[in-house]
PDB file of N, CA and C in Angstrom:
ATOM      1  N   MET A   1     121.496 110.246 106.697  1.00  0.00           N
ATOM      2  CA  MET A   1     121.999 109.394 105.925  1.00  0.00           C
ATOM      3  C   MET A   1     121.856 108.048 106.128  1.00  0.00           C
ATOM      4  N   LEU A   2     121.540 107.305 104.726  1.00  0.00           N
ATOM      5  CA  LEU A   2     121.306 106.295 104.959  1.00  0.00           C
ATOM      6  C   LEU A   2     122.453 105.581 104.386  1.00  0.00           C
ATOM      7  N   VAL A   3     123.039 104.262 104.816  1.00  0.00           N
ATOM      8  CA  VAL A   3     124.258 103.727 104.198  1.00  0.00           C
ATOM      9  C   VAL A   3     123.317 101.904 104.303  1.00  0.00           C
ATOM     10  N   VAL A   4     123.280 101.484 102.988  1.00  0.00           N
ATOM     11  CA  VAL A   4     122.727 100.466 102.975  1.00  0.00           C
ATOM     12  C   VAL A   4     124.313  99.291 102.113  1.00  0.00           C
ATOM     13  N   VAL A   5     124.287  98.048 103.261  1.00  0.00           N
ATOM     14  CA  VAL A   5     125.853  97.843 103.604  1.00  0.00           C
ATOM     15  C   VAL A   5     125.393  96.498 103.423  1.00  0.00           C
ATOM     16  N   TYR A   6     126.219  94.915 103.048  1.00  0.00           N
ATOM     17  CA  TYR A   6     126.230  93.827 103.326  1.00  0.00           C
ATOM     18  C   TYR A   6     127.204  93.315 104.775  1.00  0.00           C
ATOM     19  N   PRO A   7     126.954  93.284 105.578  1.00  0.00           N
ATOM     20  CA  PRO A   7     127.547  92.898 107.333  1.00  0.00           C
ATOM     21  C   PRO A   7     128.115  92.044 107.089  1.00  0.00           C
ATOM     22  N   LYS A   8     128.835  91.542 106.124  1.00  0.00           N
ATOM     23  CA  LYS A   8     129.982  90.102 105.609  1.00  0.00           C
ATOM     24  C   LYS A   8     130.867  91.020 105.033  1.00  0.00           C
ATOM     25  N   CYS A   9     130.752  92.024 104.368  1.00  0.00           N
ATOM     26  CA  CYS A   9     131.839  93.242 103.815  1.00  0.00           C
ATOM     27  C   CYS A   9     132.679  93.573 104.134  1.00  0.00           C
ATOM     28  N   SER A  10     134.032  93.312 104.315  1.00  0.00           N
ATOM     29  CA  SER A  10     134.776  93.909 105.000  1.00  0.00           C
ATOM     30  C   SER A  10     135.102  95.282 104.980  1.00  0.00           C
ATOM     31  N   THR A  11     134.578  96.048 103.691  1.00  0.00           N
ATOM     32  CA  THR A  11     134.863  97.189 102.853  1.00  0.00           C
ATOM     33  C   THR A  11     133.795  98.507 103.521  1.00  0.00           C
ATOM     34  N   CYS A  12     132.727  97.525 103.975  1.00  0.00           N
ATOM     35  CA  CYS A  12     131.211  97.856 104.549  1.00  0.00           C
ATOM     36  C   CYS A  12     131.676  98.048 106.114  1.00  0.00           C
ATOM     37  N   ARG A  13     132.377  97.310 106.637  1.00  0.00           N
ATOM     38  CA  ARG A  13     132.749  97.648 107.983  1.00  0.00           C
ATOM     39  C   ARG A  13     133.785  98.892 108.106  1.00  0.00           C
ATOM     40  N   LYS A  14     134.507  98.577 107.369  1.00  0.00           N
ATOM     41  CA  LYS A  14     135.559 100.047 107.339  1.00  0.00           C
ATOM     42  C   LYS A  14     135.121 101.382 107.235  1.00  0.00           C
ATOM     43  N   ALA A  15     134.346 101.220 106.253  1.00  0.00           N
ATOM     44  CA  ALA A  15     133.155 102.599 105.656  1.00  0.00           C
ATOM     45  C   ALA A  15     132.264 102.670 107.174  1.00  0.00           C
ATOM     46  N   LEU A  16     131.905 102.314 107.811  1.00  0.00           N
ATOM     47  CA  LEU A  16     130.638 102.379 109.088  1.00  0.00           C
ATOM     48  C   LEU A  16     132.061 102.948 110.490  1.00  0.00           C
ATOM     49  N   LYS A  17     133.068 102.073 110.542  1.00  0.00           N
ATOM     50  CA  LYS A  17     134.069 102.549 111.443  1.00  0.00           C
ATOM     51  C   LYS A  17     134.319 104.010 111.157  1.00  0.00           C
ATOM     52  N   TRP A  18     134.778 104.563 109.720  1.00  0.00           N
ATOM     53  CA  TRP A  18     134.980 105.234 109.417  1.00  0.00           C
ATOM     54  C   TRP A  18     134.059 106.691 109.841  1.00  0.00           C
ATOM     55  N   LEU A  19     132.584 106.178 109.579  1.00  0.00           N
ATOM     56  CA  LEU A  19     131.835 107.117 109.873  1.00  0.00           C
ATOM     57  C   LEU A  19     131.842 107.680 111.291  1.00  0.00           C
ATOM     58  N   ASP A  20     131.258 106.739 112.113  1.00  0.00           N
ATOM     59  CA  ASP A  20     131.447 106.615 113.570  1.00  0.00           C
ATOM     60  C   ASP A  20     133.171 107.457 114.008  1.00  0.00           C
ATOM     61  N   GLU A  21     134.317 107.142 113.359  1.00  0.00           N
ATOM     62  CA  GLU A  21     135.340 107.934 113.982  1.00  0.00           C
ATOM     63  C   GLU A  21     135.118 109.635 113.843  1.00  0.00           C
ATOM     64  N   HIS A  22     134.310 109.730 112.609  1.00  0.00           N
ATOM     65  CA  HIS A  22     133.883 111.260 111.854  1.00  0.00           C
ATOM     66  C   HIS A  22     132.399 111.547 112.714  1.00  0.00           C
ATOM     67  N   GLY A  23     132.372 110.958 113.666  1.00  0.00           N
ATOM     68  CA  GLY A  23     131.229 111.462 114.324  1.00  0.00           C
ATOM     69  C   GLY A  23     129.808 111.400 113.567  1.00  0.00           C
ATOM     70  N   LEU A  24     129.706 110.902 112.589  1.00  0.00           N
ATOM     71  CA  LEU A  24     128.241 111.146 111.661  1.00  0.00           C
ATOM     72  C   LEU A  24     127.278 110.002 112.104  1.00  0.00           C
ATOM     73  N   GLU A  25     126.242 110.729 112.133  1.00  0.00           N
ATOM     74  CA  GLU A  25     124.624 110.181 112.555  1.00  0.00           C
ATOM     75  C   GLU A  25     124.228 109.175 110.625  1.00  0.00           C
ATOM     76  N   TYR A  26     124.199 108.033 111.206  1.00  0.00           N
ATOM     77  CA  TYR A  26     123.166 107.401 109.847  1.00  0.00           C
ATOM     78  C   TYR A  26     122.705 105.776 110.516  1.00  0.00           C
ATOM     79  N   ASP A  27     121.943 105.689 109.689  1.00  0.00           N
ATOM     80  CA  ASP A  27     120.722 104.383 109.595  1.00  0.00           C
ATOM     81  C   ASP A  27     121.488 103.849 108.935  1.00  0.00           C
ATOM     82  N   VAL A  28     121.493 102.409 109.224  1.00  0.00           N
ATOM     83  CA  VAL A  28     121.837 101.146 108.326  1.00  0.00           C
ATOM     84  C   VAL A  28     121.015 100.311 107.600  1.00  0.00           C
ATOM     85  N   ARG A  29     121.261  99.868 106.880  1.00  0.00           N
ATOM     86  CA  ARG A  29     119.888  98.788 105.903  1.00  0.00           C
ATOM     87  C   ARG A  29     120.977  98.119 105.456  1.00  0.00           C
ATOM     88  N   ASP A  30     120.811  96.622 105.456  1.00  0.00           N
ATOM     89  CA  ASP A  30     121.223  95.299 105.213  1.00  0.00           C
ATOM     90  C   ASP A  30     120.598  95.529 104.047  1.00  0.00           C
ATOM     91  N   ILE A  31     121.774  95.053 102.705  1.00  0.00           N
ATOM     92  CA  ILE A  31     120.967  94.744 101.334  1.00  0.00           C
ATOM     93  C   ILE A  31     120.172  93.261 101.218  1.00  0.00           C
ATOM     94  N   VAL A  32     120.747  92.756 101.967  1.00  0.00           N
ATOM     95  CA  VAL A  32     120.261  91.080 101.853  1.00  0.00           C
ATOM     96  C   VAL A  32     118.877  91.117 102.368  1.00  0.00           C
ATOM     97  N   GLU A  33     118.762  91.589 103.422  1.00  0.00           N
ATOM     98  CA  GLU A  33     117.642  91.536 104.215  1.00  0.00           C
ATOM     99  C   GLU A  33     116.397  92.706 103.632  1.00  0.00           C
ATOM    100  N   ASP A  34     117.337  93.913 103.003  1.00  0.00           N
ATOM    101  CA  ASP A  34     116.128  94.729 102.037  1.00  0.00           C
ATOM    102  C   ASP A  34     116.550  95.731 100.857  1.00  0.00           C
ATOM    103  N   ASN A  35     116.750  94.767 100.045  1.00  0.00           N
ATOM    104  CA  ASN A  35     116.858  94.767  98.660  1.00  0.00           C
ATOM    105  C   ASN A  35     116.934  96.260  98.202  1.00  0.00           C
ATOM    106  N   PRO A  36     117.347  97.102  97.693  1.00  0.00           N
ATOM    107  CA  PRO A  36     116.834  98.234  96.995  1.00  0.00           C
ATOM    108  C   PRO A  36     116.419  98.017  95.934  1.00  0.00           C
ATOM    109  N   SER A  37     114.740  98.992  95.746  1.00  0.00           N
ATOM    110  CA  SER A  37     113.847  98.558  94.921  1.00  0.00           C
ATOM    111  C   SER A  37     114.263  99.352  93.248  1.00  0.00           C
ATOM    112  N   PHE A  38     113.394  98.968  92.300  1.00  0.00           N
ATOM    113  CA  PHE A  38     114.056  99.284  90.845  1.00  0.00           C
ATOM    114  C   PHE A  38     113.511 100.762  91.484  1.00  0.00           C
ATOM    115  N   ASP A  39     112.920 101.537  91.888  1.00  0.00           N
ATOM    116  CA  ASP A  39     112.671 102.660  91.884  1.00  0.00           C
ATOM    117  C   ASP A  39     113.384 103.664  92.702  1.00  0.00           C
ATOM    118  N   GLU A  40     113.850 102.835  93.938  1.00  0.00           N
ATOM    119  CA  GLU A  40     114.944 103.467  94.623  1.00  0.00           C
ATOM    120  C   GLU A  40     116.464 103.634  93.704  1.00  0.00           C
ATOM    121  N   LEU A  41     116.653 102.391  92.850  1.00  0.00           N
ATOM    122  CA  LEU A  41     118.005 102.392  92.586  1.00  0.00           C
ATOM    123  C   LEU A  41     117.430 103.557  91.368  1.00  0.00           C
ATOM    124  N   LYS A  42     116.760 104.065  90.574  1.00  0.00           N
ATOM    125  CA  LYS A  42     116.940 104.998  89.628  1.00  0.00           C
ATOM    126  C   LYS A  42     116.888 106.323  90.000  1.00  0.00           C
ATOM    127  N   LEU A  43     116.401 106.462  91.333  1.00  0.00           N
ATOM    128  CA  LEU A  43     116.505 107.383  92.013  1.00  0.00           C
ATOM    129  C   LEU A  43     117.833 107.815  92.201  1.00  0.00           C
ATOM    130  N   TRP A  44     118.525 106.322  92.882  1.00  0.00           N
ATOM    131  CA  TRP A  44     119.782 107.000  93.688  1.00  0.00           C
ATOM    132  C   TRP A  44     120.779 107.136  92.489  1.00  0.00           C
ATOM    133  N   HIS A  45     120.611 106.676  91.198  1.00  0.00           N
ATOM    134  CA  HIS A  45     121.878 106.647  90.183  1.00  0.00           C
ATOM    135  C   HIS A  45     121.454 108.139  89.701  1.00  0.00           C
ATOM    136  N   SER A  46     119.993 108.447  89.851  1.00  0.00           N
ATOM    137  CA  SER A  46     119.491 110.142  89.373  1.00  0.00           C
ATOM    138  C   SER A  46     120.444 111.224  90.413  1.00  0.00           C
ATOM    139  N   LEU A  47     120.675 110.855  91.433  1.00  0.00           N
ATOM    140  CA  LEU A  47     121.175 111.491  92.259  1.00  0.00           C
ATOM    141  C   LEU A  47     122.910 111.350  92.543  1.00  0.00           C
ATOM    142  N   SER A  48     123.240 110.485  92.206  1.00  0.00           N
ATOM    143  CA  SER A  48     124.871 110.036  92.048  1.00  0.00           C
ATOM    144  C   SER A  48     125.604 110.691  90.902  1.00  0.00           C
ATOM    145  N   GLY A  49     125.240 110.991  89.929  1.00  0.00           N
ATOM    146  CA  GLY A  49     126.005 111.304  88.887  1.00  0.00           C
ATOM    147  C   GLY A  49     127.051 110.310  88.265  1.00  0.00           C
ATOM    148  N   TYR A  50     126.561 109.317  88.925  1.00  0.00           N
ATOM    149  CA  TYR A  50     127.698 108.203  88.823  1.00  0.00           C
ATOM    150  C   TYR A  50     127.041 107.470  86.728  1.00  0.00           C
ATOM    151  N   PRO A  51     127.845 107.017  86.292  1.00  0.00           N
ATOM    152  CA  PRO A  51     127.438 105.931  85.475  1.00  0.00           C
ATOM    153  C   PRO A  51     126.565 104.588  85.877  1.00  0.00           C
ATOM    154  N   LEU A  52     125.933 104.250  84.983  1.00  0.00           N
ATOM    155  CA  LEU A  52     125.182 103.157  85.863  1.00  0.00           C
ATOM    156  C   LEU A  52     125.943 102.106  86.219  1.00  0.00           C
ATOM    157  N   LYS A  53     126.992 101.591  85.507  1.00  0.00           N
ATOM    158  CA  LYS A  53     127.839 100.507  86.014  1.00  0.00           C
ATOM    159  C   LYS A  53     128.252 100.652  87.101  1.00  0.00           C
ATOM    160  N   LYS A  54     128.379 102.076  87.698  1.00  0.00           N
ATOM    161  CA  LYS A  54     129.054 101.993  89.241  1.00  0.00           C
ATOM    162  C   LYS A  54     128.293 101.084  90.339  1.00  0.00           C
ATOM    163  N   PHE A  55     127.243 101.380  89.742  1.00  0.00           N
ATOM    164  CA  PHE A  55     126.188 100.419  90.666  1.00  0.00           C
ATOM    165  C   PHE A  55     126.231  99.216  90.955  1.00  0.00           C
ATOM    166  N   PHE A  56     127.370  98.678  90.122  1.00  0.00           N
ATOM    167  CA  PHE A  56     127.099  97.079  89.853  1.00  0.00           C
ATOM    168  C   PHE A  56     128.232  96.721  90.795  1.00  0.00           C
ATOM    169  N   ASN A  57     128.424  95.657  91.135  1.00  0.00           N
ATOM    170  CA  ASN A  57     129.202  95.255  92.126  1.00  0.00           C
ATOM    171  C   ASN A  57     130.837  94.279  91.343  1.00  0.00           C
ATOM    172  N   THR A  58     131.033  94.617  90.316  1.00  0.00           N
ATOM    173  CA  THR A  58     131.578  94.419  88.892  1.00  0.00           C
ATOM    174  C   THR A  58     132.929  93.233  89.841  1.00  0.00           C
ATOM    175  N   SER A  59     133.200  93.516  91.136  1.00  0.00           N
ATOM    176  CA  SER A  59     134.464  91.980  91.748  1.00  0.00           C
ATOM    177  C   SER A  59     133.272  90.937  92.233  1.00  0.00           C
ATOM    178  N   GLY A  60     132.157  91.014  92.545  1.00  0.00           N
ATOM    179  CA  GLY A  60     131.262  89.895  92.807  1.00  0.00           C
ATOM    180  C   GLY A  60     131.315  88.451  91.889  1.00  0.00           C
ATOM    181  N   ILE A  61     130.891  87.583  92.582  1.00  0.00           N
ATOM    182  CA  ILE A  61     130.972  86.292  92.241  1.00  0.00           C
ATOM    183  C   ILE A  61     129.754  86.328  91.276  1.00  0.00           C
ATOM    184  N   LEU A  62     128.664  86.755  91.579  1.00  0.00           N
ATOM    185  CA  LEU A  62     126.994  86.692  90.998  1.00  0.00           C
ATOM    186  C   LEU A  62     127.376  87.726  89.250  1.00  0.00           C
ATOM    187  N   TYR A  63     128.545  88.865  89.528  1.00  0.00           N
ATOM    188  CA  TYR A  63     128.213  89.392  88.318  1.00  0.00           C
ATOM    189  C   TYR A  63     128.929  89.000  87.201  1.00  0.00           C
ATOM    190  N   ARG A  64     130.204  87.824  87.899  1.00  0.00           N
ATOM    191  CA  ARG A  64     131.078  87.068  86.981  1.00  0.00           C
ATOM    192  C   ARG A  64     130.547  85.827  86.489  1.00  0.00           C
ATOM    193  N   LYS A  65     129.929  85.421  87.239  1.00  0.00           N
ATOM    194  CA  LYS A  65     128.646  84.405  86.763  1.00  0.00           C
ATOM    195  C   LYS A  65     127.586  84.534  85.603  1.00  0.00           C
ATOM    196  N   LEU A  66     127.244  85.723  85.786  1.00  0.00           N
ATOM    197  CA  LEU A  66     126.485  85.820  84.994  1.00  0.00           C
ATOM    198  C   LEU A  66     126.874  86.614  83.402  1.00  0.00           C
ATOM    199  N   GLY A  67     127.864  86.685  83.726  1.00  0.00           N
ATOM    200  CA  GLY A  67     128.773  87.596  82.523  1.00  0.00           C
ATOM    201  C   GLY A  67     128.489  88.656  82.006  1.00  0.00           C
ATOM    202  N   LEU A  68     127.883  89.645  83.323  1.00  0.00           N
ATOM    203  CA  LEU A  68     127.549  91.102  83.007  1.00  0.00           C
ATOM    204  C   LEU A  68     128.602  91.572  82.226  1.00  0.00           C
ATOM    205  N   LYS A  69     129.916  91.738  82.302  1.00  0.00           N
ATOM    206  CA  LYS A  69     131.384  92.645  81.871  1.00  0.00           C
ATOM    207  C   LYS A  69     130.838  92.636  80.266  1.00  0.00           C
ATOM    208  N   ASP A  70     130.615  91.929  79.661  1.00  0.00           N
ATOM    209  CA  ASP A  70     129.908  91.580  78.224  1.00  0.00           C
ATOM    210  C   ASP A  70     128.772  92.116  77.824  1.00  0.00           C
ATOM    211  N   LYS A  71     127.668  92.174  79.092  1.00  0.00           N
ATOM    212  CA  LYS A  71     126.344  92.335  79.252  1.00  0.00           C
ATOM    213  C   LYS A  71     125.946  93.509  79.074  1.00  0.00           C
ATOM    214  N   LEU A  72     126.381  94.073  79.587  1.00  0.00           N
ATOM    215  CA  LEU A  72     125.770  95.123  80.251  1.00  0.00           C
ATOM    216  C   LEU A  72     125.225  96.749  79.480  1.00  0.00           C
ATOM    217  N   ALA A  73     126.768  96.446  78.695  1.00  0.00           N
ATOM    218  CA  ALA A  73     126.745  97.382  77.586  1.00  0.00           C
ATOM    219  C   ALA A  73     125.380  97.270  76.331  1.00  0.00           C
ATOM    220  N   SER A  74     124.924  96.340  76.420  1.00  0.00           N
ATOM    221  CA  SER A  74     123.526  95.832  75.192  1.00  0.00           C
ATOM    222  C   SER A  74     122.086  96.133  75.954  1.00  0.00           C
ATOM    223  N   MET A  75     122.647  96.405  77.459  1.00  0.00           N
ATOM    224  CA  MET A  75     121.092  96.495  78.178  1.00  0.00           C
ATOM    225  C   MET A  75     120.760  97.663  78.246  1.00  0.00           C
ATOM    226  N   SER A  76     119.177  97.764  78.461  1.00  0.00           N
ATOM    227  CA  SER A  76     118.740  99.397  78.316  1.00  0.00           C
ATOM    228  C   SER A  76     118.992  99.325  80.024  1.00  0.00           C
ATOM    229  N   GLU A  77     118.794 100.930  80.162  1.00  0.00           N
ATOM    230  CA  GLU A  77     119.043 101.018  82.005  1.00  0.00           C
ATOM    231  C   GLU A  77     117.927 100.746  82.702  1.00  0.00           C
ATOM    232  N   ASP A  78     116.865 100.685  82.318  1.00  0.00           N
ATOM    233  CA  ASP A  78     115.743  99.922  83.119  1.00  0.00           C
ATOM    234  C   ASP A  78     116.135  98.642  82.946  1.00  0.00           C
ATOM    235  N   GLU A  79     116.898  97.613  82.270  1.00  0.00           N
ATOM    236  CA  GLU A  79     117.121  96.353  82.437  1.00  0.00           C
ATOM    237  C   GLU A  79     118.227  96.116  83.130  1.00  0.00           C
ATOM    238  N   GLN A  80     118.971  97.124  83.695  1.00  0.00           N
ATOM    239  CA  GLN A  80     119.938  97.078  84.503  1.00  0.00           C
ATOM    240  C   GLN A  80     119.638  97.105  86.147  1.00  0.00           C
ATOM    241  N   LEU A  81     118.957  98.340  85.728  1.00  0.00           N
ATOM    242  CA  LEU A  81     117.897  98.719  87.273  1.00  0.00           C
ATOM    243  C   LEU A  81     117.271  97.363  87.805  1.00  0.00           C
ATOM    244  N   GLU A  82     116.638  96.645  86.895  1.00  0.00           N
ATOM    245  CA  GLU A  82     115.803  95.738  87.134  1.00  0.00           C
ATOM    246  C   GLU A  82     116.783  94.859  87.594  1.00  0.00           C
ATOM    247  N   LEU A  83     117.845  94.346  87.228  1.00  0.00           N
ATOM    248  CA  LEU A  83     119.023  93.187  87.576  1.00  0.00           C
ATOM    249  C   LEU A  83     119.445  93.591  88.956  1.00  0.00           C
ATOM    250  N   LEU A  84     119.688  94.736  89.138  1.00  0.00           N
ATOM    251  CA  LEU A  84     120.192  95.343  90.541  1.00  0.00           C
ATOM    252  C   LEU A  84     119.011  95.331  91.669  1.00  0.00           C
ATOM    253  N   ALA A  85     117.788  95.591  90.924  1.00  0.00           N
ATOM    254  CA  ALA A  85     116.863  95.286  91.625  1.00  0.00           C
ATOM    255  C   ALA A  85     116.378  93.835  92.634  1.00  0.00           C
ATOM    256  N   GLY A  86     117.302  93.220  91.482  1.00  0.00           N
ATOM    257  CA  GLY A  86     116.568  91.723  91.904  1.00  0.00           C
ATOM    258  C   GLY A  86     117.548  90.799  93.021  1.00  0.00           C
ATOM    259  N   ASP A  87     118.400  91.681  92.526  1.00  0.00           N
ATOM    260  CA  ASP A  87     119.694  90.680  94.214  1.00  0.00           C
ATOM    261  C   ASP A  87     120.640  91.954  94.516  1.00  0.00           C
ATOM    262  N   GLY A  88     120.725  92.151  95.920  1.00  0.00           N
ATOM    263  CA  GLY A  88     121.364  92.958  96.632  1.00  0.00           C
ATOM    264  C   GLY A  88     123.131  92.771  96.296  1.00  0.00           C
ATOM    265  N   MET A  89     123.091  91.675  95.909  1.00  0.00           N
ATOM    266  CA  MET A  89     125.088  91.053  95.927  1.00  0.00           C
ATOM    267  C   MET A  89     125.577  91.818  94.307  1.00  0.00           C
ATOM    268  N   LEU A  90     124.245  92.303  93.549  1.00  0.00           N
ATOM    269  CA  LEU A  90     124.771  92.946  92.366  1.00  0.00           C
ATOM    270  C   LEU A  90     125.084  94.444  92.689  1.00  0.00           C
ATOM    271  N   VAL A  91     124.627  94.815  93.731  1.00  0.00           N
ATOM    272  CA  VAL A  91     124.848  96.466  93.846  1.00  0.00           C
ATOM    273  C   VAL A  91     126.601  96.310  94.947  1.00  0.00           C
ATOM    274  N   LYS A  92     127.219  97.247  94.016  1.00  0.00           N
ATOM    275  CA  LYS A  92     128.271  97.990  94.436  1.00  0.00           C
ATOM    276  C   LYS A  92     128.017  98.834  96.027  1.00  0.00           C
ATOM    277  N   ARG A  93     129.010  98.396  97.199  1.00  0.00           N
ATOM    278  CA  ARG A  93     128.205  98.854  98.607  1.00  0.00           C
ATOM    279  C   ARG A  93     129.923  99.361  99.189  1.00  0.00           C
ATOM    280  N   PRO A  94     129.640  99.915  99.894  1.00  0.00           N
ATOM    281  CA  PRO A  94     128.089 100.507 100.909  1.00  0.00           C
ATOM    282  C   PRO A  94     127.787 101.218  99.830  1.00  0.00           C
ATOM    283  N   VAL A  95     126.539 101.973  99.632  1.00  0.00           N
ATOM    284  CA  VAL A  95     125.623 102.931  99.171  1.00  0.00           C
ATOM    285  C   VAL A  95     125.356 103.709 100.165  1.00  0.00           C
ATOM    286  N   VAL A  96     126.555 105.206 100.209  1.00  0.00           N
ATOM    287  CA  VAL A  96     125.354 106.295 100.948  1.00  0.00           C
ATOM    288  C   VAL A  96     124.783 107.167 100.107  1.00  0.00           C
ATOM    289  N   VAL A  97     123.420 107.291 101.010  1.00  0.00           N
ATOM    290  CA  VAL A  97     122.111 107.981 100.406  1.00  0.00           C
ATOM    291  C   VAL A  97     121.702 109.060 101.189  1.00  0.00           C
ATOM    292  N   CYS A  98     122.070 110.136 100.723  1.00  0.00           N
ATOM    293  CA  CYS A  98     121.661 111.645 101.766  1.00  0.00           C
ATOM    294  C   CYS A  98     120.635 112.169 100.637  1.00  0.00           C
ATOM    295  N   ASP A  99     120.323 113.482 101.526  1.00  0.00           N
ATOM    296  CA  ASP A  99     119.037 114.012 100.236  1.00  0.00           C
ATOM    297  C   ASP A  99     119.498 114.636  99.268  1.00  0.00           C
ATOM    298  N   ASP A 100     120.568 115.489  98.773  1.00  0.00           N
ATOM    299  CA  ASP A 100     120.742 115.209  97.409  1.00  0.00           C
ATOM    300  C   ASP A 100     121.971 114.781  96.782  1.00  0.00           C
ATOM    301  N   PHE A 101     122.450 113.630  97.353  1.00  0.00           N
ATOM    302  CA  PHE A 101     123.757 112.863  96.582  1.00  0.00           C
ATOM    303  C   PHE A 101     123.817 111.449  97.056  1.00  0.00           C
ATOM    304  N   VAL A 102     124.505 110.530  96.501  1.00  0.00           N
ATOM    305  CA  VAL A 102     124.474 109.323  96.572  1.00  0.00           C
ATOM    306  C   VAL A 102     125.933 109.015  95.891  1.00  0.00           C
ATOM    307  N   MET A 103     126.588 107.898  96.934  1.00  0.00           N
ATOM    308  CA  MET A 103     127.407 107.561  96.294  1.00  0.00           C
ATOM    309  C   MET A 103     127.498 105.897  97.082  1.00  0.00           C
ATOM    310  N   THR A 104     128.588 105.176  95.584  1.00  0.00           N
ATOM    311  CA  THR A 104     128.880 103.822  95.884  1.00  0.00           C
ATOM    312  C   THR A 104     129.995 103.580  96.277  1.00  0.00           C
ATOM    313  N   GLY A 105     130.452 102.486  96.753  1.00  0.00           N
ATOM    314  CA  GLY A 105     131.939 102.050  97.609  1.00  0.00           C
ATOM    315  C   GLY A 105     132.067 102.976  98.507  1.00  0.00           C
ATOM    316  N   PHE A 106     133.350 102.571  99.041  1.00  0.00           N
ATOM    317  CA  PHE A 106     134.180 103.792  99.763  1.00  0.00           C
ATOM    318  C   PHE A 106     135.265 104.126  99.233  1.00  0.00           C
ATOM    319  N   ARG A 107     135.320 105.488  99.130  1.00  0.00           N
ATOM    320  CA  ARG A 107     136.591 105.756  98.518  1.00  0.00           C
ATOM    321  C   ARG A 107     136.857 106.961  99.626  1.00  0.00           C
ATOM    322  N   GLU A 108     137.672 106.971 100.474  1.00  0.00           N
ATOM    323  CA  GLU A 108     138.192 107.953 101.915  1.00  0.00           C
ATOM    324  C   GLU A 108     138.151 109.257 101.380  1.00  0.00           C
ATOM    325  N   LYS A 109     138.593 109.607  99.881  1.00  0.00           N
ATOM    326  CA  LYS A 109     138.707 111.242  99.538  1.00  0.00           C
ATOM    327  C   LYS A 109     137.347 111.742  99.340  1.00  0.00           C
ATOM    328  N   GLU A 110     136.471 111.143  98.519  1.00  0.00           N
ATOM    329  CA  GLU A 110     135.280 111.661  98.604  1.00  0.00           C
ATOM    330  C   GLU A 110     134.365 111.620  99.190  1.00  0.00           C
ATOM    331  N   TRP A 111     134.241 110.491 100.152  1.00  0.00           N
ATOM    332  CA  TRP A 111     133.630 110.661 101.188  1.00  0.00           C
ATOM    333  C   TRP A 111     133.724 111.734 102.433  1.00  0.00           C
ATOM    334  N   GLU A 112     135.242 112.032 102.439  1.00  0.00           N
ATOM    335  CA  GLU A 112     135.770 113.175 103.193  1.00  0.00           C
ATOM    336  C   GLU A 112     135.455 114.503 102.215  1.00  0.00           C
ATOM    337  N   GLU A 113     135.146 114.538 100.853  1.00  0.00           N
ATOM    338  CA  GLU A 113     134.760 115.805 100.766  1.00  0.00           C
ATOM    339  C   GLU A 113     133.317 116.093 100.607  1.00  0.00           C
ATOM    340  N   LYS A 114     133.099 114.794 100.709  1.00  0.00           N
ATOM    341  CA  LYS A 114     131.344 115.181 100.714  1.00  0.00           C
ATOM    342  C   LYS A 114     130.383 115.087 102.185  1.00  0.00           C
ATOM    343  N   LEU A 115     130.700 114.697 103.203  1.00  0.00           N
ATOM    344  CA  LEU A 115     130.271 114.133 103.839  1.00  0.00           C
ATOM    345  C   LEU A 115     131.122 114.987 105.374  1.00  0.00           C
ATOM    346  N   LEU A 116     132.297 115.429 105.244  1.00  0.00           N
ATOM    347  CA  LEU A 116     132.581 116.261 106.267  1.00  0.00           C
ATOM    348  C   LEU A 116     132.830 117.603 106.093  1.00  0.00           C
TER     349      LEU A 116
END
């Protein structure tokens, strides 16, 4: 399992602690040092079953600064993926990537259902 995090994010730290407490093995990837590529994001989106908007960090400064709340609906999926691939701070974190599913954000109940 790969967990993509922003190290300064308190939710990411909480998620990693949860994984450790449940004895789950994982690899960590720093989203700032190694931002997901367009192709990775496209694959992750298809594995997640989520609407693409769930991949955006809607509470982030950059999301608000770019006015994406009003722009996403008129953008194509590829345009949205390019935006996400351009700056990891736009990506909702943590991202959990497994062989057959992907989750964004840390919702303990969902994590319990999928990972335990």
